[in-house]
Amino acid sequence: MGILYMSSNYTERETDTLIDVYTKNPSLETVEKLMTLLNRPKKSIISKLVKEGVYVTRGYRTKTGELPVSKMVLVRTIEDALDTTFPDLEKAPKPTLKKLSDTVVELTEQFEEALIQVSDLSERNSVIEEMLKIKKSKVSESSDPIKILGG
């Protein structure tokens, strides 16, 4: 018995068109256009794109459209931001952890910005104090009556 090869349902030209059109705009809208253009079902188009190695998956999203994050990641984010550990924090509801994580990260960023501003102000004050010392020393030198009279 010989080896039986299944022929592809797509011609070489159709495959080239499929790849060319899809790679220019990899989206479900493009798949729908290809369905009409090639008169093929959506599943067939996607399968062929996968087989050709060009299909881009949308990836899983939560109900709110965000990328999913595990509770453990949220807990670690909170602990890292506060530089401490919280045993059993992962037992809290995920929405609570998400809100707490977002808040802690935001407050940490604000705190770091405030520290930078305080540091900048401290440097400015040092420069101003130095300038005042120089100015006072020049004023005191110029107000010395012996120096004024050239003596």
C-alpha atoms as a PDB file:
ATOM      1  CA  MET A   1       0.000   0.000   0.000  1.00  0.00           C
ATOM      2  CA  GLY A   2       1.201   3.417  -0.919  1.00  0.00           C
ATOM      3  CA  ILE A   3       1.139   6.540   1.205  1.00  0.00           C
ATOM      4  CA  LEU A   4      -2.047   8.550   0.843  1.00  0.00           C
ATOM      5  CA  TYR A   5      -1.573  12.322   0.808  1.00  0.00           C
ATOM      6  CA  MET A   6      -4.494  14.621   1.380  1.00  0.00           C
ATOM      7  CA  SER A   7      -4.566  17.544  -0.961  1.00  0.00           C
ATOM      8  CA  SER A   8      -4.984  21.018   0.407  1.00  0.00           C
ATOM      9  CA  ASN A   9      -8.309  22.716  -0.075  1.00  0.00           C
ATOM     10  CA  TYR A  10      -6.461  25.949  -0.784  1.00  0.00           C
ATOM     11  CA  THR A  11      -4.609  26.635  -3.988  1.00  0.00           C
ATOM     12  CA  GLU A  12      -1.151  28.138  -3.780  1.00  0.00           C
ATOM     13  CA  ARG A  13      -2.559  31.431  -5.041  1.00  0.00           C
ATOM     14  CA  GLU A  14      -5.316  31.423  -2.385  1.00  0.00           C
ATOM     15  CA  THR A  15      -2.767  30.673   0.322  1.00  0.00           C
ATOM     16  CA  ASP A  16      -0.523  33.513  -0.849  1.00  0.00           C
ATOM     17  CA  THR A  17      -3.491  35.910  -0.904  1.00  0.00           C
ATOM     18  CA  LEU A  18      -4.608  34.727   2.530  1.00  0.00           C
ATOM     19  CA  ILE A  19      -1.178  35.290   4.051  1.00  0.00           C
ATOM     20  CA  ASP A  20      -0.591  38.605   2.275  1.00  0.00           C
ATOM     21  CA  VAL A  21      -3.934  40.144   3.247  1.00  0.00           C
ATOM     22  CA  TYR A  22      -3.875  38.847   6.824  1.00  0.00           C
ATOM     23  CA  THR A  23      -0.287  39.874   7.654  1.00  0.00           C
ATOM     24  CA  LYS A  24      -1.020  43.462   6.589  1.00  0.00           C
ATOM     25  CA  ASN A  25      -3.801  43.701   9.183  1.00  0.00           C
ATOM     26  CA  PRO A  26      -4.006  40.715  11.550  1.00  0.00           C
ATOM     27  CA  SER A  27      -7.513  41.022  12.984  1.00  0.00           C
ATOM     28  CA  LEU A  28     -10.878  39.296  13.051  1.00  0.00           C
ATOM     29  CA  GLU A  29     -12.185  41.905  10.617  1.00  0.00           C
ATOM     30  CA  THR A  30      -9.552  40.763   8.127  1.00  0.00           C
ATOM     31  CA  VAL A  31     -10.571  37.134   8.675  1.00  0.00           C
ATOM     32  CA  GLU A  32     -14.164  38.109   7.886  1.00  0.00           C
ATOM     33  CA  LYS A  33     -13.043  39.884   4.699  1.00  0.00           C
ATOM     34  CA  LEU A  34     -11.086  36.779   3.706  1.00  0.00           C
ATOM     35  CA  MET A  35     -14.190  34.660   4.333  1.00  0.00           C
ATOM     36  CA  THR A  36     -16.026  36.716   1.726  1.00  0.00           C
ATOM     37  CA  LEU A  37     -13.078  36.962  -0.653  1.00  0.00           C
ATOM     38  CA  LEU A  38     -12.297  33.219  -0.662  1.00  0.00           C
ATOM     39  CA  ASN A  39     -15.837  32.010   0.028  1.00  0.00           C
ATOM     40  CA  ARG A  40     -14.680  29.875   2.975  1.00  0.00           C
ATOM     41  CA  PRO A  41     -15.899  29.465   6.565  1.00  0.00           C
ATOM     42  CA  LYS A  42     -14.230  31.392   9.383  1.00  0.00           C
ATOM     43  CA  LYS A  43     -12.906  28.217  11.013  1.00  0.00           C
ATOM     44  CA  SER A  44     -11.249  27.176   7.749  1.00  0.00           C
ATOM     45  CA  ILE A  45      -9.569  30.560   7.289  1.00  0.00           C
ATOM     46  CA  ILE A  46      -8.238  30.609  10.863  1.00  0.00           C
ATOM     47  CA  SER A  47      -7.058  26.993  10.617  1.00  0.00           C
ATOM     48  CA  LYS A  48      -5.134  27.748   7.442  1.00  0.00           C
ATOM     49  CA  LEU A  49      -3.579  30.865   8.988  1.00  0.00           C
ATOM     50  CA  VAL A  50      -2.522  28.824  12.029  1.00  0.00           C
ATOM     51  CA  LYS A  51      -1.072  26.114   9.802  1.00  0.00           C
ATOM     52  CA  GLU A  52       0.903  28.736   7.875  1.00  0.00           C
ATOM     53  CA  GLY A  53       2.183  30.178  11.169  1.00  0.00           C
ATOM     54  CA  VAL A  54       0.821  33.697  10.723  1.00  0.00           C
ATOM     55  CA  TYR A  55      -2.333  33.720  12.865  1.00  0.00           C
ATOM     56  CA  VAL A  56      -2.170  36.093  15.821  1.00  0.00           C
ATOM     57  CA  THR A  57      -4.363  35.129  18.759  1.00  0.00           C
ATOM     58  CA  ARG A  58      -6.204  37.818  20.631  1.00  0.00           C
ATOM     59  CA  GLY A  59      -5.194  36.382  23.981  1.00  0.00           C
ATOM     60  CA  TYR A  60      -7.381  35.966  27.006  1.00  0.00           C
ATOM     61  CA  ARG A  61      -8.912  39.076  28.562  1.00  0.00           C
ATOM     62  CA  THR A  62     -11.036  39.541  31.657  1.00  0.00           C
ATOM     63  CA  LYS A  63     -14.622  40.776  31.536  1.00  0.00           C
ATOM     64  CA  THR A  64     -13.302  44.328  31.835  1.00  0.00           C
ATOM     65  CA  GLY A  65     -10.916  43.802  28.894  1.00  0.00           C
ATOM     66  CA  GLU A  66      -7.738  43.698  30.980  1.00  0.00           C
ATOM     67  CA  LEU A  67      -5.058  41.027  30.897  1.00  0.00           C
ATOM     68  CA  PRO A  68      -5.616  38.563  33.743  1.00  0.00           C
ATOM     69  CA  VAL A  69      -3.417  38.875  36.848  1.00  0.00           C
ATOM     70  CA  SER A  70      -3.227  36.214  39.542  1.00  0.00           C
ATOM     71  CA  LYS A  71      -3.949  36.960  43.178  1.00  0.00           C
ATOM     72  CA  MET A  72      -0.383  35.929  44.037  1.00  0.00           C
ATOM     73  CA  VAL A  73       1.019  38.591  41.674  1.00  0.00           C
ATOM     74  CA  LEU A  74      -1.233  41.236  43.250  1.00  0.00           C
ATOM     75  CA  VAL A  75      -0.113  40.212  46.748  1.00  0.00           C
ATOM     76  CA  ARG A  76       3.575  40.320  45.725  1.00  0.00           C
ATOM     77  CA  THR A  77       3.082  43.766  44.183  1.00  0.00           C
ATOM     78  CA  ILE A  78       1.571  45.055  47.428  1.00  0.00           C
ATOM     79  CA  GLU A  79       4.275  43.436  49.559  1.00  0.00           C
ATOM     80  CA  ASP A  80       7.088  44.736  47.339  1.00  0.00           C
ATOM     81  CA  ALA A  81       5.705  48.275  47.343  1.00  0.00           C
ATOM     82  CA  LEU A  82       5.425  48.280  51.137  1.00  0.00           C
ATOM     83  CA  ASP A  83       8.617  46.253  51.693  1.00  0.00           C
ATOM     84  CA  THR A  84       6.897  43.777  53.996  1.00  0.00           C
ATOM     85  CA  THR A  85       4.989  40.488  53.910  1.00  0.00           C
ATOM     86  CA  PHE A  86       1.355  39.802  54.671  1.00  0.00           C
ATOM     87  CA  PRO A  87       0.605  36.156  55.472  1.00  0.00           C
ATOM     88  CA  ASP A  88      -2.843  35.106  54.284  1.00  0.00           C
ATOM     89  CA  LEU A  89      -3.365  38.272  52.221  1.00  0.00           C
ATOM     90  CA  GLU A  90      -4.020  36.098  49.158  1.00  0.00           C
ATOM     91  CA  LYS A  91      -7.204  34.942  50.899  1.00  0.00           C
ATOM     92  CA  ALA A  92      -8.744  38.377  50.303  1.00  0.00           C
ATOM     93  CA  PRO A  93     -11.140  38.714  47.349  1.00  0.00           C
ATOM     94  CA  LYS A  94      -9.381  39.434  44.062  1.00  0.00           C
ATOM     95  CA  PRO A  95     -11.202  42.757  43.388  1.00  0.00           C
ATOM     96  CA  THR A  96     -10.087  43.962  46.832  1.00  0.00           C
ATOM     97  CA  LEU A  97      -6.490  42.933  46.139  1.00  0.00           C
ATOM     98  CA  LYS A  98      -6.593  44.648  42.749  1.00  0.00           C
ATOM     99  CA  LYS A  99      -7.874  47.907  44.239  1.00  0.00           C
ATOM    100  CA  LEU A 100      -5.377  47.736  47.111  1.00  0.00           C
ATOM    101  CA  SER A 101      -2.516  46.982  44.729  1.00  0.00           C
ATOM    102  CA  ASP A 102      -3.415  49.868  42.424  1.00  0.00           C
ATOM    103  CA  THR A 103      -3.738  52.246  45.381  1.00  0.00           C
ATOM    104  CA  VAL A 104      -0.472  51.173  47.025  1.00  0.00           C
ATOM    105  CA  VAL A 105       1.444  51.454  43.756  1.00  0.00           C
ATOM    106  CA  GLU A 106      -0.045  54.896  43.044  1.00  0.00           C
ATOM    107  CA  LEU A 107       0.739  56.161  46.545  1.00  0.00           C
ATOM    108  CA  THR A 108       4.267  54.763  46.354  1.00  0.00           C
ATOM    109  CA  GLU A 109       4.843  56.598  43.069  1.00  0.00           C
ATOM    110  CA  GLN A 110       3.470  59.831  44.559  1.00  0.00           C
ATOM    111  CA  PHE A 111       5.682  59.406  47.619  1.00  0.00           C
ATOM    112  CA  GLU A 112       8.780  58.886  45.464  1.00  0.00           C
ATOM    113  CA  GLU A 113       7.929  62.001  43.417  1.00  0.00           C
ATOM    114  CA  ALA A 114       7.506  63.992  46.642  1.00  0.00           C
ATOM    115  CA  LEU A 115      10.914  62.797  47.878  1.00  0.00           C
ATOM    116  CA  ILE A 116      12.516  63.951  44.633  1.00  0.00           C
ATOM    117  CA  GLN A 117      10.868  67.365  45.002  1.00  0.00           C
ATOM    118  CA  VAL A 118      12.044  67.659  48.622  1.00  0.00           C
ATOM    119  CA  SER A 119      15.555  66.702  47.559  1.00  0.00           C
ATOM    120  CA  ASP A 120      15.483  69.332  44.809  1.00  0.00           C
ATOM    121  CA  LEU A 121      14.258  71.960  47.283  1.00  0.00           C
ATOM    122  CA  SER A 122      16.976  71.003  49.741  1.00  0.00           C
ATOM    123  CA  GLU A 123      19.635  71.401  47.042  1.00  0.00           C
ATOM    124  CA  ARG A 124      18.186  74.788  46.061  1.00  0.00           C
ATOM    125  CA  ASN A 125      18.199  75.940  49.685  1.00  0.00           C
ATOM    126  CA  SER A 126      21.854  74.928  50.015  1.00  0.00           C
ATOM    127  CA  VAL A 127      22.751  76.950  46.929  1.00  0.00           C
ATOM    128  CA  ILE A 128      20.781  79.958  48.174  1.00  0.00           C
ATOM    129  CA  GLU A 129      22.440  79.778  51.616  1.00  0.00           C
ATOM    130  CA  GLU A 130      25.864  79.621  49.974  1.00  0.00           C
ATOM    131  CA  MET A 131      25.035  82.619  47.790  1.00  0.00           C
ATOM    132  CA  LEU A 132      23.824  84.583  50.833  1.00  0.00           C
ATOM    133  CA  LYS A 133      27.084  83.816  52.693  1.00  0.00           C
ATOM    134  CA  ILE A 134      29.099  85.072  49.738  1.00  0.00           C
ATOM    135  CA  LYS A 135      26.958  88.185  49.469  1.00  0.00           C
ATOM    136  CA  LYS A 136      27.227  88.897  53.226  1.00  0.00           C
ATOM    137  CA  SER A 137      30.984  88.509  53.141  1.00  0.00           C
ATOM    138  CA  LYS A 138      31.227  90.980  50.219  1.00  0.00           C
ATOM    139  CA  VAL A 139      28.903  93.431  51.977  1.00  0.00           C
ATOM    140  CA  SER A 140      30.863  93.202  55.219  1.00  0.00           C
ATOM    141  CA  GLU A 141      34.140  93.730  53.324  1.00  0.00           C
ATOM    142  CA  SER A 142      32.790  96.762  51.477  1.00  0.00           C
ATOM    143  CA  SER A 143      31.343  98.312  54.660  1.00  0.00           C
ATOM    144  CA  ASP A 144      34.666  98.150  56.526  1.00  0.00           C
ATOM    145  CA  PRO A 145      35.600 101.853  56.965  1.00  0.00           C
ATOM    146  CA  ILE A 146      39.350 101.176  56.829  1.00  0.00           C
ATOM    147  CA  LYS A 147      38.995  99.425  53.433  1.00  0.00           C
ATOM    148  CA  ILE A 148      36.737 102.201  52.150  1.00  0.00           C
ATOM    149  CA  LEU A 149      39.377 104.837  53.036  1.00  0.00           C
ATOM    150  CA  GLY A 150      42.066 102.742  51.403  1.00  0.00           C
ATOM    151  CA  GLY A 151      43.925 102.032  54.552  1.00  0.00           C
END
